[in-house]
Amino acid sequence: MSKDMMEIRWHGRGGQGAKTAALLLGEAAISAGKYVQAFPEYGPERMGAPVAAFDRIASKEITIHSPVLKPDVVLVLDETLTESVDVAHGLSEETGVLIVNTPYSKAEVQARVKWNGKKLITIDASKIAQANIGKAIPNTPMIGALLGAVDILPLEAFMEDTRKKLEKKFKSKPEVIEGNLKAIRAAYEEVKKS
């Protein structure tokens, strides 16, 4: 998928890192010379409550300032949201990409989502995070899955930018930095293989 502007919607629960993922992706895109909007949708945020975040990434200046209503890609960090939130709302069945963090099969997820799009990707990002980071926080592996699914940013450019950001935040915890980078790469490679 390559076009002048890509719109992305993230669905998660408070504490899973949907907002952080949208911001990390946006910052890496800015470093790569893209124009970006990255923003959360605020409501009664609390740990475990449904949250949404958004990215617009473009090769030209972005002149719209409205919610993302027709995303090109939707990422779902918690598959239980498919039972209560219309995660595929506005997503084209022809060109849209739906990426769901789940241990379940595509057929099981598709039945719950009620979306008959051509590009549904299921990945157990929580398992990848647990194995690499030591915590089942799926946001960074989901970015890896996104980068593997769509042509938005080169993986190595994203990894370099993210390493710098993580080194500032976790300079005394190199295992957190390396774990997140390994999780991103593992999810990217899994999606590229499928």
C-alpha atoms as a PDB file:
ATOM      1  CA  MET A   1       0.000   0.000   0.000  1.00  0.00           C
ATOM      2  CA  SER A   2       1.661   3.163  -1.130  1.00  0.00           C
ATOM      3  CA  LYS A   3      -0.084   6.508  -1.495  1.00  0.00           C
ATOM      4  CA  ASP A   4       0.399  10.142  -0.522  1.00  0.00           C
ATOM      5  CA  MET A   5      -1.164   9.739   2.927  1.00  0.00           C
ATOM      6  CA  MET A   6      -1.818   6.720   5.115  1.00  0.00           C
ATOM      7  CA  GLU A   7      -4.300   6.867   7.981  1.00  0.00           C
ATOM      8  CA  ILE A   8      -3.967   4.403  10.849  1.00  0.00           C
ATOM      9  CA  ARG A   9      -6.235   3.666  13.804  1.00  0.00           C
ATOM     10  CA  TRP A  10      -5.060   1.836  16.920  1.00  0.00           C
ATOM     11  CA  HIS A  11      -7.468   0.092  19.308  1.00  0.00           C
ATOM     12  CA  GLY A  12      -6.306  -1.060  22.707  1.00  0.00           C
ATOM     13  CA  ARG A  13      -6.985  -0.910  26.390  1.00  0.00           C
ATOM     14  CA  GLY A  14      -5.470   1.582  28.804  1.00  0.00           C
ATOM     15  CA  GLY A  15      -1.989   0.358  29.723  1.00  0.00           C
ATOM     16  CA  GLN A  16      -1.338  -1.621  26.517  1.00  0.00           C
ATOM     17  CA  GLY A  17       0.514   1.205  24.811  1.00  0.00           C
ATOM     18  CA  ALA A  18      -1.739   2.158  21.876  1.00  0.00           C
ATOM     19  CA  LYS A  19      -1.012   5.861  22.377  1.00  0.00           C
ATOM     20  CA  THR A  20       2.707   5.190  22.825  1.00  0.00           C
ATOM     21  CA  ALA A  21       2.786   3.072  19.640  1.00  0.00           C
ATOM     22  CA  ALA A  22       1.083   5.818  17.622  1.00  0.00           C
ATOM     23  CA  LEU A  23       3.551   8.405  18.933  1.00  0.00           C
ATOM     24  CA  LEU A  24       6.626   6.183  18.353  1.00  0.00           C
ATOM     25  CA  LEU A  25       5.522   5.515  14.795  1.00  0.00           C
ATOM     26  CA  GLY A  26       4.831   9.204  14.220  1.00  0.00           C
ATOM     27  CA  GLU A  27       8.194  10.319  15.594  1.00  0.00           C
ATOM     28  CA  ALA A  28      10.041   7.772  13.447  1.00  0.00           C
ATOM     29  CA  ALA A  29       8.119   8.964  10.381  1.00  0.00           C
ATOM     30  CA  ILE A  30       9.101  12.569  11.125  1.00  0.00           C
ATOM     31  CA  SER A  31      12.753  11.475  11.381  1.00  0.00           C
ATOM     32  CA  ALA A  32      12.333   9.827   7.960  1.00  0.00           C
ATOM     33  CA  GLY A  33      11.175  13.150   6.461  1.00  0.00           C
ATOM     34  CA  LYS A  34       7.424  12.471   6.447  1.00  0.00           C
ATOM     35  CA  TYR A  35       4.609  14.754   7.531  1.00  0.00           C
ATOM     36  CA  VAL A  36       2.767  13.366  10.534  1.00  0.00           C
ATOM     37  CA  GLN A  37      -0.192  13.677  12.832  1.00  0.00           C
ATOM     38  CA  ALA A  38      -0.266  11.308  15.804  1.00  0.00           C
ATOM     39  CA  PHE A  39      -2.952  11.709  18.440  1.00  0.00           C
ATOM     40  CA  PRO A  40      -5.043   9.774  20.966  1.00  0.00           C
ATOM     41  CA  GLU A  41      -8.797   9.876  21.389  1.00  0.00           C
ATOM     42  CA  TYR A  42      -9.465  10.788  24.963  1.00  0.00           C
ATOM     43  CA  GLY A  43     -12.368   9.619  27.046  1.00  0.00           C
ATOM     44  CA  PRO A  44     -12.558   8.243  30.563  1.00  0.00           C
ATOM     45  CA  GLU A  45      -9.071   6.683  30.369  1.00  0.00           C
ATOM     46  CA  ARG A  46      -8.236   4.160  33.017  1.00  0.00           C
ATOM     47  CA  MET A  47      -6.283   0.962  33.087  1.00  0.00           C
ATOM     48  CA  GLY A  48      -8.140  -1.598  30.988  1.00  0.00           C
ATOM     49  CA  ALA A  49     -10.641   0.827  29.404  1.00  0.00           C
ATOM     50  CA  PRO A  50     -10.936   0.876  25.587  1.00  0.00           C
ATOM     51  CA  VAL A  51      -8.753   3.560  24.000  1.00  0.00           C
ATOM     52  CA  ALA A  52      -7.992   4.633  20.447  1.00  0.00           C
ATOM     53  CA  ALA A  53      -5.052   6.439  18.895  1.00  0.00           C
ATOM     54  CA  PHE A  54      -4.408   7.612  15.352  1.00  0.00           C
ATOM     55  CA  ASP A  55      -1.628   8.347  12.877  1.00  0.00           C
ATOM     56  CA  ARG A  56      -1.608  10.185   9.605  1.00  0.00           C
ATOM     57  CA  ILE A  57       1.642   9.809   7.702  1.00  0.00           C
ATOM     58  CA  ALA A  58       2.124  11.634   4.417  1.00  0.00           C
ATOM     59  CA  SER A  59       4.688  12.619   1.843  1.00  0.00           C
ATOM     60  CA  LYS A  60       3.081  16.088   1.599  1.00  0.00           C
ATOM     61  CA  GLU A  61       1.853  18.579   4.169  1.00  0.00           C
ATOM     62  CA  ILE A  62      -1.293  17.350   5.954  1.00  0.00           C
ATOM     63  CA  THR A  63      -4.022  19.974   5.769  1.00  0.00           C
ATOM     64  CA  ILE A  64      -6.911  18.098   7.383  1.00  0.00           C
ATOM     65  CA  HIS A  65      -7.476  18.242  11.114  1.00  0.00           C
ATOM     66  CA  SER A  66     -10.339  15.885  11.749  1.00  0.00           C
ATOM     67  CA  PRO A  67     -10.691  12.419  13.252  1.00  0.00           C
ATOM     68  CA  VAL A  68      -9.568   9.440  11.159  1.00  0.00           C
ATOM     69  CA  LEU A  69     -12.868   8.107   9.832  1.00  0.00           C
ATOM     70  CA  LYS A  70     -11.700   5.906   6.939  1.00  0.00           C
ATOM     71  CA  PRO A  71      -8.416   4.342   8.043  1.00  0.00           C
ATOM     72  CA  ASP A  72      -6.163   2.446   5.665  1.00  0.00           C
ATOM     73  CA  VAL A  73      -4.921   0.251   8.518  1.00  0.00           C
ATOM     74  CA  VAL A  74      -6.454  -0.719  11.852  1.00  0.00           C
ATOM     75  CA  LEU A  75      -4.420  -2.360  14.606  1.00  0.00           C
ATOM     76  CA  VAL A  76      -6.154  -4.099  17.502  1.00  0.00           C
ATOM     77  CA  LEU A  77      -3.896  -4.622  20.514  1.00  0.00           C
ATOM     78  CA  ASP A  78      -6.519  -6.565  22.497  1.00  0.00           C
ATOM     79  CA  GLU A  79      -8.651  -9.043  20.560  1.00  0.00           C
ATOM     80  CA  THR A  80     -11.379  -8.969  23.239  1.00  0.00           C
ATOM     81  CA  LEU A  81     -12.246  -5.504  21.900  1.00  0.00           C
ATOM     82  CA  THR A  82     -13.634  -7.204  18.786  1.00  0.00           C
ATOM     83  CA  GLU A  83     -16.587  -8.291  20.956  1.00  0.00           C
ATOM     84  CA  SER A  84     -17.579  -4.774  22.041  1.00  0.00           C
ATOM     85  CA  VAL A  85     -16.031  -2.262  19.601  1.00  0.00           C
ATOM     86  CA  ASP A  86     -16.589  -2.060  15.843  1.00  0.00           C
ATOM     87  CA  VAL A  87     -12.849  -2.133  15.201  1.00  0.00           C
ATOM     88  CA  ALA A  88     -13.281  -2.350  11.422  1.00  0.00           C
ATOM     89  CA  HIS A  89     -15.587   0.686  11.195  1.00  0.00           C
ATOM     90  CA  GLY A  90     -14.679   2.726   8.114  1.00  0.00           C
ATOM     91  CA  LEU A  91     -12.040   0.230   6.956  1.00  0.00           C
ATOM     92  CA  SER A  92     -12.292  -0.641   3.263  1.00  0.00           C
ATOM     93  CA  GLU A  93     -12.838  -4.336   2.570  1.00  0.00           C
ATOM     94  CA  GLU A  94     -10.969  -3.917  -0.745  1.00  0.00           C
ATOM     95  CA  THR A  95      -7.852  -2.024   0.309  1.00  0.00           C
ATOM     96  CA  GLY A  96      -7.881  -1.932   4.123  1.00  0.00           C
ATOM     97  CA  VAL A  97      -5.535  -3.861   6.386  1.00  0.00           C
ATOM     98  CA  LEU A  98      -6.691  -5.198   9.759  1.00  0.00           C
ATOM     99  CA  ILE A  99      -3.987  -6.440  12.144  1.00  0.00           C
ATOM    100  CA  VAL A 100      -5.176  -8.182  15.313  1.00  0.00           C
ATOM    101  CA  ASN A 101      -3.103  -9.283  18.296  1.00  0.00           C
ATOM    102  CA  THR A 102      -4.541 -12.707  19.049  1.00  0.00           C
ATOM    103  CA  PRO A 103      -3.641 -16.364  19.518  1.00  0.00           C
ATOM    104  CA  TYR A 104      -6.751 -17.270  17.456  1.00  0.00           C
ATOM    105  CA  SER A 105      -6.938 -18.100  13.761  1.00  0.00           C
ATOM    106  CA  LYS A 106      -7.916 -15.649  11.034  1.00  0.00           C
ATOM    107  CA  ALA A 107     -11.247 -17.458  10.573  1.00  0.00           C
ATOM    108  CA  GLU A 108     -12.112 -17.146  14.273  1.00  0.00           C
ATOM    109  CA  VAL A 109     -11.219 -13.453  14.317  1.00  0.00           C
ATOM    110  CA  GLN A 110     -13.042 -12.720  11.060  1.00  0.00           C
ATOM    111  CA  ALA A 111     -16.239 -14.273  12.456  1.00  0.00           C
ATOM    112  CA  ARG A 112     -16.085 -11.958  15.492  1.00  0.00           C
ATOM    113  CA  VAL A 113     -15.132  -8.824  13.607  1.00  0.00           C
ATOM    114  CA  LYS A 114     -17.699  -9.298  10.831  1.00  0.00           C
ATOM    115  CA  TRP A 115     -15.325  -7.787   8.314  1.00  0.00           C
ATOM    116  CA  ASN A 116     -14.753  -9.524   5.004  1.00  0.00           C
ATOM    117  CA  GLY A 117     -11.681  -7.618   3.953  1.00  0.00           C
ATOM    118  CA  LYS A 118      -8.949  -9.124   1.852  1.00  0.00           C
ATOM    119  CA  LYS A 119      -6.095  -8.367   4.252  1.00  0.00           C
ATOM    120  CA  LEU A 120      -6.582  -9.654   7.795  1.00  0.00           C
ATOM    121  CA  ILE A 121      -3.388 -10.362   9.703  1.00  0.00           C
ATOM    122  CA  THR A 122      -3.406 -12.189  13.012  1.00  0.00           C
ATOM    123  CA  ILE A 123      -0.305 -12.232  15.181  1.00  0.00           C
ATOM    124  CA  ASP A 124       0.266 -13.163  18.813  1.00  0.00           C
ATOM    125  CA  ALA A 125       2.027  -9.910  19.695  1.00  0.00           C
ATOM    126  CA  SER A 126       1.467 -10.472  23.428  1.00  0.00           C
ATOM    127  CA  LYS A 127       3.353 -13.774  23.219  1.00  0.00           C
ATOM    128  CA  ILE A 128       6.168 -12.103  21.240  1.00  0.00           C
ATOM    129  CA  ALA A 129       6.349  -9.322  23.838  1.00  0.00           C
ATOM    130  CA  GLN A 130       6.369 -11.782  26.744  1.00  0.00           C
ATOM    131  CA  ALA A 131       9.185 -13.784  25.130  1.00  0.00           C
ATOM    132  CA  ASN A 132      11.340 -10.756  24.295  1.00  0.00           C
ATOM    133  CA  ILE A 133      10.479  -8.079  26.850  1.00  0.00           C
ATOM    134  CA  GLY A 134       9.275 -10.179  29.765  1.00  0.00           C
ATOM    135  CA  LYS A 135       5.881  -8.458  29.778  1.00  0.00           C
ATOM    136  CA  ALA A 136       2.861  -9.075  27.543  1.00  0.00           C
ATOM    137  CA  ILE A 137       2.613  -5.449  26.393  1.00  0.00           C
ATOM    138  CA  PRO A 138       1.878  -5.778  22.665  1.00  0.00           C
ATOM    139  CA  ASN A 139       2.472  -2.252  21.355  1.00  0.00           C
ATOM    140  CA  THR A 140       6.009  -2.538  19.991  1.00  0.00           C
ATOM    141  CA  PRO A 141       5.501  -5.931  18.310  1.00  0.00           C
ATOM    142  CA  MET A 142       2.326  -4.529  16.730  1.00  0.00           C
ATOM    143  CA  ILE A 143       4.421  -1.747  15.182  1.00  0.00           C
ATOM    144  CA  GLY A 144       6.677  -4.457  13.766  1.00  0.00           C
ATOM    145  CA  ALA A 145       3.617  -6.220  12.344  1.00  0.00           C
ATOM    146  CA  LEU A 146       2.439  -2.950  10.783  1.00  0.00           C
ATOM    147  CA  LEU A 147       5.832  -2.328   9.164  1.00  0.00           C
ATOM    148  CA  GLY A 148       5.798  -5.872   7.804  1.00  0.00           C
ATOM    149  CA  ALA A 149       2.276  -5.497   6.405  1.00  0.00           C
ATOM    150  CA  VAL A 150       2.419  -2.113   4.686  1.00  0.00           C
ATOM    151  CA  ASP A 151       5.015   0.007   2.960  1.00  0.00           C
ATOM    152  CA  ILE A 152       5.086   2.952   5.316  1.00  0.00           C
ATOM    153  CA  LEU A 153       8.654   3.122   6.696  1.00  0.00           C
ATOM    154  CA  PRO A 154      11.728   0.958   6.232  1.00  0.00           C
ATOM    155  CA  LEU A 155      12.235  -1.327   9.223  1.00  0.00           C
ATOM    156  CA  GLU A 156      15.860  -0.292   9.799  1.00  0.00           C
ATOM    157  CA  ALA A 157      15.008   3.428   9.828  1.00  0.00           C
ATOM    158  CA  PHE A 158      12.276   2.769  12.377  1.00  0.00           C
ATOM    159  CA  MET A 159      14.582   0.573  14.494  1.00  0.00           C
ATOM    160  CA  GLU A 160      17.323   3.211  14.556  1.00  0.00           C
ATOM    161  CA  ASP A 161      14.933   5.987  15.574  1.00  0.00           C
ATOM    162  CA  THR A 162      13.233   3.810  18.192  1.00  0.00           C
ATOM    163  CA  ARG A 163      16.573   2.718  19.675  1.00  0.00           C
ATOM    164  CA  LYS A 164      17.432   6.403  20.245  1.00  0.00           C
ATOM    165  CA  LYS A 165      14.060   7.079  21.886  1.00  0.00           C
ATOM    166  CA  LEU A 166      14.274   3.999  24.110  1.00  0.00           C
ATOM    167  CA  GLU A 167      17.879   4.765  25.107  1.00  0.00           C
ATOM    168  CA  LYS A 168      16.741   8.147  26.431  1.00  0.00           C
ATOM    169  CA  LYS A 169      13.824   6.671  28.365  1.00  0.00           C
ATOM    170  CA  PHE A 170      15.420   3.418  29.569  1.00  0.00           C
ATOM    171  CA  LYS A 171      19.156   4.200  29.676  1.00  0.00           C
ATOM    172  CA  SER A 172      19.581   2.211  32.903  1.00  0.00           C
ATOM    173  CA  LYS A 173      17.615  -0.767  31.506  1.00  0.00           C
ATOM    174  CA  PRO A 174      19.379  -2.043  28.367  1.00  0.00           C
ATOM    175  CA  GLU A 175      17.347  -5.254  28.531  1.00  0.00           C
ATOM    176  CA  VAL A 176      14.150  -3.245  27.964  1.00  0.00           C
ATOM    177  CA  ILE A 177      15.680  -1.534  24.932  1.00  0.00           C
ATOM    178  CA  GLU A 178      16.971  -4.749  23.364  1.00  0.00           C
ATOM    179  CA  GLY A 179      13.806  -6.671  24.246  1.00  0.00           C
ATOM    180  CA  ASN A 180      11.572  -4.145  22.512  1.00  0.00           C
ATOM    181  CA  LEU A 181      13.789  -4.053  19.419  1.00  0.00           C
ATOM    182  CA  LYS A 182      13.825  -7.862  19.239  1.00  0.00           C
ATOM    183  CA  ALA A 183      10.028  -7.937  19.625  1.00  0.00           C
ATOM    184  CA  ILE A 184       9.572  -5.434  16.790  1.00  0.00           C
ATOM    185  CA  ARG A 185      11.838  -7.432  14.483  1.00  0.00           C
ATOM    186  CA  ALA A 186      10.228 -10.787  15.417  1.00  0.00           C
ATOM    187  CA  ALA A 187       6.731  -9.504  14.609  1.00  0.00           C
ATOM    188  CA  TYR A 188       7.942  -7.866  11.391  1.00  0.00           C
ATOM    189  CA  GLU A 189       9.543 -11.117  10.226  1.00  0.00           C
ATOM    190  CA  GLU A 190       6.482 -13.183  11.164  1.00  0.00           C
ATOM    191  CA  VAL A 191       4.200 -10.960   9.072  1.00  0.00           C
ATOM    192  CA  LYS A 192       6.644 -10.888   6.149  1.00  0.00           C
ATOM    193  CA  LYS A 193       6.670 -14.735   6.129  1.00  0.00           C
ATOM    194  CA  SER A 194       2.873 -15.048   6.092  1.00  0.00           C
END
